Each structure stands twice: as C-alpha cells, then as structure tokens.
C-alpha cells in the first residue's frame, strides 16, 4: 500500500508541477506580448520605412522601364526612317543601268548626226522623267567633271597627262556616280589628270 501511496503522491506532484509550468509559460508569453505591444509606434515606423523603401524601388523600376520604352520608341522610329530612305536602293541600282543605256543612246546618236531626231528626243524625255523620279526618292548625280578627285565618290580607272587642269582633277567621266539620301549608291568611274612633271 505504501507503494500505491507513493505513486499517487508522485502523480499529484507531476500534475501540480505540470499545471504550474503551463501557468508560468502563459505568463511569460503575456509578458512578451505586452513588451511588444507597448511599442506600436516603433512597429508602425518600421512598417512605414519598409513600405517607403519598397515604393521607392518600385518607382525607380518604373522610371527605368519608362526610359527604356522611350529609347525603344526613338530607336524604332529611327530604324523605320532609315528603312524608308534606303528601301528602294537595290531597285534604283538596277534602274541606273537603264539610265546609262539611255545616255549612251543619246550620245551615240549625237555623234553620228542621226536623222531620226524624234526618237532621240523621246529617249531624252524619258531619261529626264526617270531622273525626276530619282530626285523624288533622294537620288542625285555626283558632280565629277572639273572637280578634284575624291576617293569617297570617284573610282579612277585611268590617269591621263594634261596641262590644262591641275594634278588629280577629274577630266573625263566614263560612268556617272549617284548618291541616295547622302549615301553613295554608285561611285563615278572617272579619268584623272596627271601633270607631266609628276610623271
């Protein structure tokens, strides 16, 4: 019986200690909550600071994306403008061969003194109309005769001794050069003067 009494006593003590522990734990939690709850101002300040920081980061991101979009719009507009300026370049290059042949036909008929003037006039009128269309699309002839040789616009195929013109001057144009919107489309094929002394 004594063993039973001891067991009952131990059980009562553990119950007593277990309840005490639960009560003390609740008290500790209440104290911690009160300690935290006593500073709602600090809590709000930290929340406000974190929200301000987040808002600033979001605004910075917005500004960056906005600037990138503006740059994209400008770049797209510039690319579209460049495309429009030079979209016809390959077509016009092919038409230059037609212009060259028309000019040759007119020059050869003048040299021969042909009696078929109406045909030559028709070719000349067609050539002028074609050159007007070229001008609408920003295509211009490169002025070469009598100008100093410029490797950016001229392609020299020969040098010829000449005392009438200064050294390195274009004295003959074998094929006309053209530019499209300030970009070289085809260089002029020219003959350049060379003074006898430089030889």
C-alpha atoms as a PDB file:
ATOM      1  CA  UNK A   1       0.000   0.000   0.000  1.00  0.00           C
ATOM      2  CA  UNK A   2       2.838   2.272   0.632  1.00  0.00           C
ATOM      3  CA  UNK A   3       3.924   1.856  -2.945  1.00  0.00           C
ATOM      4  CA  UNK A   4       0.460   2.851  -4.106  1.00  0.00           C
ATOM      5  CA  UNK A   5       0.504   5.932  -1.896  1.00  0.00           C
ATOM      6  CA  UNK A   6       3.893   6.897  -3.316  1.00  0.00           C
ATOM      7  CA  UNK A   7       2.602   6.540  -6.882  1.00  0.00           C
ATOM      8  CA  UNK A   8      -0.461   8.642  -6.118  1.00  0.00           C
ATOM      9  CA  UNK A   9       1.695  11.318  -4.497  1.00  0.00           C
ATOM     10  CA  UNK A  10       4.091  11.393  -7.487  1.00  0.00           C
ATOM     11  CA  UNK A  11       1.145  11.678  -9.834  1.00  0.00           C
ATOM     12  CA  UNK A  12      -0.310  14.520  -7.793  1.00  0.00           C
ATOM     13  CA  UNK A  13       3.069  16.300  -7.779  1.00  0.00           C
ATOM     14  CA  UNK A  14       3.522  15.953 -11.515  1.00  0.00           C
ATOM     15  CA  UNK A  15       0.014  17.248 -12.115  1.00  0.00           C
ATOM     16  CA  UNK A  16       0.738  20.095  -9.775  1.00  0.00           C
ATOM     17  CA  UNK A  17       4.084  20.873 -11.478  1.00  0.00           C
ATOM     18  CA  UNK A  18       2.629  20.455 -14.983  1.00  0.00           C
ATOM     19  CA  UNK A  19      -0.142  22.951 -14.264  1.00  0.00           C
ATOM     20  CA  UNK A  20       2.336  25.331 -12.667  1.00  0.00           C
ATOM     21  CA  UNK A  21       4.579  25.089 -15.720  1.00  0.00           C
ATOM     22  CA  UNK A  22       1.631  25.801 -18.027  1.00  0.00           C
ATOM     23  CA  UNK A  23       0.644  28.818 -15.964  1.00  0.00           C
ATOM     24  CA  UNK A  24       4.207  30.178 -15.882  1.00  0.00           C
ATOM     25  CA  UNK A  25       4.556  29.676 -19.651  1.00  0.00           C
ATOM     26  CA  UNK A  26       1.345  31.611 -20.257  1.00  0.00           C
ATOM     27  CA  UNK A  27       2.597  34.392 -18.021  1.00  0.00           C
ATOM     28  CA  UNK A  28       5.890  34.571 -19.937  1.00  0.00           C
ATOM     29  CA  UNK A  29       4.060  34.805 -23.254  1.00  0.00           C
ATOM     30  CA  UNK A  30       1.778  37.530 -21.918  1.00  0.00           C
ATOM     31  CA  UNK A  31       4.831  39.480 -20.749  1.00  0.00           C
ATOM     32  CA  UNK A  32       6.489  39.149 -24.156  1.00  0.00           C
ATOM     33  CA  UNK A  33       3.291  40.261 -25.912  1.00  0.00           C
ATOM     34  CA  UNK A  34       2.940  43.204 -23.575  1.00  0.00           C
ATOM     35  CA  UNK A  35       6.591  44.135 -24.215  1.00  0.00           C
ATOM     36  CA  UNK A  36       5.997  44.108 -27.948  1.00  0.00           C
ATOM     37  CA  UNK A  37       2.563  45.679 -27.749  1.00  0.00           C
ATOM     38  CA  UNK A  38       3.865  48.514 -25.658  1.00  0.00           C
ATOM     39  CA  UNK A  39       5.752  49.853 -28.766  1.00  0.00           C
ATOM     40  CA  UNK A  40       3.109  50.080 -31.521  1.00  0.00           C
ATOM     41  CA  UNK A  41       4.704  53.353 -32.644  1.00  0.00           C
ATOM     42  CA  UNK A  42       8.042  51.678 -33.411  1.00  0.00           C
ATOM     43  CA  UNK A  43       6.241  48.864 -35.154  1.00  0.00           C
ATOM     44  CA  UNK A  44       4.394  51.358 -37.373  1.00  0.00           C
ATOM     45  CA  UNK A  45       7.587  53.289 -38.082  1.00  0.00           C
ATOM     46  CA  UNK A  46       9.400  50.158 -39.257  1.00  0.00           C
ATOM     47  CA  UNK A  47       6.412  49.221 -41.429  1.00  0.00           C
ATOM     48  CA  UNK A  48       6.315  52.738 -42.882  1.00  0.00           C
ATOM     49  CA  UNK A  49      10.066  52.667 -43.601  1.00  0.00           C
ATOM     50  CA  UNK A  50       9.859  49.294 -45.302  1.00  0.00           C
ATOM     51  CA  UNK A  51       6.860  50.432 -47.367  1.00  0.00           C
ATOM     52  CA  UNK A  52       8.630  53.675 -48.323  1.00  0.00           C
ATOM     53  CA  UNK A  53      11.696  51.695 -49.388  1.00  0.00           C
ATOM     54  CA  UNK A  54       9.527  49.325 -51.425  1.00  0.00           C
ATOM     55  CA  UNK A  55       7.669  52.268 -53.024  1.00  0.00           C
ATOM     56  CA  UNK A  56      10.974  53.951 -53.920  1.00  0.00           C
ATOM     57  CA  UNK A  57      12.311  50.757 -55.510  1.00  0.00           C
ATOM     58  CA  UNK A  58       9.083  50.337 -57.461  1.00  0.00           C
ATOM     59  CA  UNK A  59       9.221  53.958 -58.636  1.00  0.00           C
ATOM     60  CA  UNK A  60      12.874  53.561 -59.697  1.00  0.00           C
ATOM     61  CA  UNK A  61      11.959  50.419 -61.619  1.00  0.00           C
ATOM     62  CA  UNK A  62       9.076  52.298 -63.243  1.00  0.00           C
ATOM     63  CA  UNK A  63      11.399  55.145 -64.287  1.00  0.00           C
ATOM     64  CA  UNK A  64      13.912  52.694 -65.780  1.00  0.00           C
ATOM     65  CA  UNK A  65      11.242  50.824 -67.722  1.00  0.00           C
ATOM     66  CA  UNK A  66       9.749  54.123 -68.889  1.00  0.00           C
ATOM     67  CA  UNK A  67      13.158  55.371 -70.094  1.00  0.00           C
ATOM     68  CA  UNK A  68      13.858  52.059 -71.846  1.00  0.00           C
ATOM     69  CA  UNK A  69      10.490  52.267 -73.593  1.00  0.00           C
ATOM     70  CA  UNK A  70      11.181  55.844 -74.754  1.00  0.00           C
ATOM     71  CA  UNK A  71      14.574  54.737 -76.109  1.00  0.00           C
ATOM     72  CA  UNK A  72      12.899  51.816 -77.859  1.00  0.00           C
ATOM     73  CA  UNK A  73      10.353  54.144 -79.493  1.00  0.00           C
ATOM     74  CA  UNK A  74      13.088  56.520 -80.690  1.00  0.00           C
ATOM     75  CA  UNK A  75      15.234  53.645 -81.976  1.00  0.00           C
ATOM     76  CA  UNK A  76      12.240  52.118 -83.800  1.00  0.00           C
ATOM     77  CA  UNK A  77      11.361  55.469 -85.387  1.00  0.00           C
ATOM     78  CA  UNK A  78      14.990  55.972 -86.479  1.00  0.00           C
ATOM     79  CA  UNK A  79      15.188  52.448 -87.919  1.00  0.00           C
ATOM     80  CA  UNK A  80      11.892  52.929 -89.757  1.00  0.00           C
ATOM     81  CA  UNK A  81      13.103  56.237 -91.176  1.00  0.00           C
ATOM     82  CA  UNK A  82      16.373  54.621 -92.324  1.00  0.00           C
ATOM     83  CA  UNK A  83      14.434  51.752 -93.858  1.00  0.00           C
ATOM     84  CA  UNK A  84      12.154  54.132 -95.766  1.00  0.00           C
ATOM     85  CA  UNK A  85      15.122  56.152 -97.032  1.00  0.00           C
ATOM     86  CA  UNK A  86      17.049  53.185 -98.389  1.00  0.00           C
ATOM     87  CA  UNK A  87      14.328  50.612 -99.127  1.00  0.00           C
ATOM     88  CA  UNK A  88      14.459  51.345-102.872  1.00  0.00           C
ATOM     89  CA  UNK A  89      18.257  51.216-103.085  1.00  0.00           C
ATOM     90  CA  UNK A  90      18.526  47.867-104.893  1.00  0.00           C
ATOM     91  CA  UNK A  91      15.745  48.768-107.360  1.00  0.00           C
ATOM     92  CA  UNK A  92      17.352  52.115-108.161  1.00  0.00           C
ATOM     93  CA  UNK A  93      20.756  50.448-108.652  1.00  0.00           C
ATOM     94  CA  UNK A  94      19.182  48.236-111.311  1.00  0.00           C
ATOM     95  CA  UNK A  95      17.480  51.238-112.947  1.00  0.00           C
ATOM     96  CA  UNK A  96      20.835  53.038-113.156  1.00  0.00           C
ATOM     97  CA  UNK A  97      21.833  50.571-115.875  1.00  0.00           C
ATOM     98  CA  UNK A  98      18.768  51.666-117.877  1.00  0.00           C
ATOM     99  CA  UNK A  99      19.733  55.326-117.372  1.00  0.00           C
ATOM    100  CA  UNK A 100      23.286  54.573-118.552  1.00  0.00           C
ATOM    101  CA  UNK A 101      21.985  52.896-121.701  1.00  0.00           C
ATOM    102  CA  UNK A 102      19.650  55.814-122.453  1.00  0.00           C
ATOM    103  CA  UNK A 103      22.531  58.282-122.079  1.00  0.00           C
ATOM    104  CA  UNK A 104      24.711  56.157-124.368  1.00  0.00           C
ATOM    105  CA  UNK A 105      21.940  56.031-126.966  1.00  0.00           C
ATOM    106  CA  UNK A 106      21.551  59.818-126.871  1.00  0.00           C
ATOM    107  CA  UNK A 107      25.334  60.430-127.063  1.00  0.00           C
ATOM    108  CA  UNK A 108      25.859  57.964-129.909  1.00  0.00           C
ATOM    109  CA  UNK A 109      23.022  59.475-131.949  1.00  0.00           C
ATOM    110  CA  UNK A 110      24.523  62.964-131.491  1.00  0.00           C
ATOM    111  CA  UNK A 111      27.930  61.705-132.614  1.00  0.00           C
ATOM    112  CA  UNK A 112      26.521  60.062-135.709  1.00  0.00           C
ATOM    113  CA  UNK A 113      24.274  63.031-136.612  1.00  0.00           C
ATOM    114  CA  UNK A 114      21.301  60.702-136.994  1.00  0.00           C
ATOM    115  CA  UNK A 115      18.322  61.935-138.961  1.00  0.00           C
ATOM    116  CA  UNK A 116      15.857  60.259-136.541  1.00  0.00           C
ATOM    117  CA  UNK A 117      15.631  63.209-134.146  1.00  0.00           C
ATOM    118  CA  UNK A 118      12.143  62.362-132.846  1.00  0.00           C
ATOM    119  CA  UNK A 119      13.381  59.028-131.476  1.00  0.00           C
ATOM    120  CA  UNK A 120      16.331  60.719-129.747  1.00  0.00           C
ATOM    121  CA  UNK A 121      14.010  63.369-128.296  1.00  0.00           C
ATOM    122  CA  UNK A 122      11.722  60.620-126.964  1.00  0.00           C
ATOM    123  CA  UNK A 123      14.626  58.862-125.271  1.00  0.00           C
ATOM    124  CA  UNK A 124      15.834  62.185-123.865  1.00  0.00           C
ATOM    125  CA  UNK A 125      12.381  62.982-122.441  1.00  0.00           C
ATOM    126  CA  UNK A 126      12.129  59.516-120.895  1.00  0.00           C
ATOM    127  CA  UNK A 127      15.569  59.940-119.343  1.00  0.00           C
ATOM    128  CA  UNK A 128      14.605  63.321-117.856  1.00  0.00           C
ATOM    129  CA  UNK A 129      11.408  61.864-116.358  1.00  0.00           C
ATOM    130  CA  UNK A 130      13.330  58.970-114.874  1.00  0.00           C
ATOM    131  CA  UNK A 131      15.835  61.390-113.308  1.00  0.00           C
ATOM    132  CA  UNK A 132      12.936  63.416-111.841  1.00  0.00           C
ATOM    133  CA  UNK A 133      11.583  60.254-110.229  1.00  0.00           C
ATOM    134  CA  UNK A 134      15.055  59.575-108.835  1.00  0.00           C
ATOM    135  CA  UNK A 135      15.103  63.054-107.282  1.00  0.00           C
ATOM    136  CA  UNK A 136      11.768  62.383-105.545  1.00  0.00           C
ATOM    137  CA  UNK A 137      13.414  59.419-103.825  1.00  0.00           C
ATOM    138  CA  UNK A 138      16.543  61.348-102.844  1.00  0.00           C
ATOM    139  CA  UNK A 139      18.804  60.129-105.666  1.00  0.00           C
ATOM    140  CA  UNK A 140      21.233  62.701-107.092  1.00  0.00           C
ATOM    141  CA  UNK A 141      24.104  62.593-109.557  1.00  0.00           C
ATOM    142  CA  UNK A 142      27.627  63.050-108.232  1.00  0.00           C
ATOM    143  CA  UNK A 143      29.226  66.104-109.842  1.00  0.00           C
ATOM    144  CA  UNK A 144      32.620  64.994-111.126  1.00  0.00           C
ATOM    145  CA  UNK A 145      33.914  66.853-114.178  1.00  0.00           C
ATOM    146  CA  UNK A 146      36.476  69.526-113.309  1.00  0.00           C
ATOM    147  CA  UNK A 147      36.377  68.614-109.598  1.00  0.00           C
ATOM    148  CA  UNK A 148      39.319  67.311-107.564  1.00  0.00           C
ATOM    149  CA  UNK A 149      39.435  63.522-107.347  1.00  0.00           C
ATOM    150  CA  UNK A 150      37.643  62.266-104.208  1.00  0.00           C
ATOM    151  CA  UNK A 151      38.007  58.529-103.489  1.00  0.00           C
ATOM    152  CA  UNK A 152      34.775  58.655-101.489  1.00  0.00           C
ATOM    153  CA  UNK A 153      32.774  59.461-104.640  1.00  0.00           C
ATOM    154  CA  UNK A 154      35.043  58.616-107.579  1.00  0.00           C
ATOM    155  CA  UNK A 155      36.605  55.462-108.912  1.00  0.00           C
ATOM    156  CA  UNK A 156      39.636  56.265-111.060  1.00  0.00           C
ATOM    157  CA  UNK A 157      40.279  53.825-113.881  1.00  0.00           C
ATOM    158  CA  UNK A 158      42.949  55.863-115.667  1.00  0.00           C
ATOM    159  CA  UNK A 159      45.335  58.769-115.318  1.00  0.00           C
ATOM    160  CA  UNK A 160      45.952  60.996-118.304  1.00  0.00           C
ATOM    161  CA  UNK A 161      48.626  63.628-118.825  1.00  0.00           C
ATOM    162  CA  UNK A 162      47.017  67.044-119.003  1.00  0.00           C
ATOM    163  CA  UNK A 163      48.410  70.553-118.631  1.00  0.00           C
ATOM    164  CA  UNK A 164      45.031  72.303-118.814  1.00  0.00           C
ATOM    165  CA  UNK A 165      43.850  71.001-115.423  1.00  0.00           C
ATOM    166  CA  UNK A 166      45.580  70.800-112.048  1.00  0.00           C
ATOM    167  CA  UNK A 167      47.012  67.479-110.945  1.00  0.00           C
ATOM    168  CA  UNK A 168      44.458  64.925-109.662  1.00  0.00           C
ATOM    169  CA  UNK A 169      41.428  66.584-111.293  1.00  0.00           C
ATOM    170  CA  UNK A 170      38.624  64.617-112.961  1.00  0.00           C
ATOM    171  CA  UNK A 171      38.858  65.322-116.709  1.00  0.00           C
ATOM    172  CA  UNK A 172      36.515  62.652-118.073  1.00  0.00           C
ATOM    173  CA  UNK A 173      33.538  60.775-116.691  1.00  0.00           C
ATOM    174  CA  UNK A 174      33.044  57.281-118.099  1.00  0.00           C
ATOM    175  CA  UNK A 175      30.068  56.408-115.912  1.00  0.00           C
ATOM    176  CA  UNK A 176      28.108  58.790-113.699  1.00  0.00           C
ATOM    177  CA  UNK A 177      28.001  58.296-109.953  1.00  0.00           C
ATOM    178  CA  UNK A 178      24.903  58.595-107.786  1.00  0.00           C
ATOM    179  CA  UNK A 179      24.089  59.178-104.135  1.00  0.00           C
ATOM    180  CA  UNK A 180      20.857  58.332-102.318  1.00  0.00           C
ATOM    181  CA  UNK A 181      19.997  60.443 -99.273  1.00  0.00           C
ATOM    182  CA  UNK A 182      23.630  61.443 -98.762  1.00  0.00           C
ATOM    183  CA  UNK A 183      24.832  57.824 -99.030  1.00  0.00           C
ATOM    184  CA  UNK A 184      26.898  56.679-102.004  1.00  0.00           C
ATOM    185  CA  UNK A 185      24.870  54.479-104.319  1.00  0.00           C
ATOM    186  CA  UNK A 186      27.461  54.088-107.056  1.00  0.00           C
ATOM    187  CA  UNK A 187      30.835  55.835-107.457  1.00  0.00           C
ATOM    188  CA  UNK A 188      31.542  57.749-110.643  1.00  0.00           C
ATOM    189  CA  UNK A 189      34.014  55.988-112.940  1.00  0.00           C
ATOM    190  CA  UNK A 190      36.459  58.701-113.976  1.00  0.00           C
ATOM    191  CA  UNK A 191      39.712  59.581-115.695  1.00  0.00           C
ATOM    192  CA  UNK A 192      42.035  61.735-113.572  1.00  0.00           C
ATOM    193  CA  UNK A 193      44.561  64.309-114.817  1.00  0.00           C
ATOM    194  CA  UNK A 194      48.241  63.895-114.196  1.00  0.00           C
ATOM    195  CA  UNK A 195      50.732  66.692-114.755  1.00  0.00           C
ATOM    196  CA  UNK A 196      53.786  65.885-116.866  1.00  0.00           C
ATOM    197  CA  UNK A 197      56.122  66.899-114.045  1.00  0.00           C
ATOM    198  CA  UNK A 198      54.650  64.333-111.589  1.00  0.00           C
ATOM    199  CA  UNK A 199      55.289  61.523-114.053  1.00  0.00           C
END
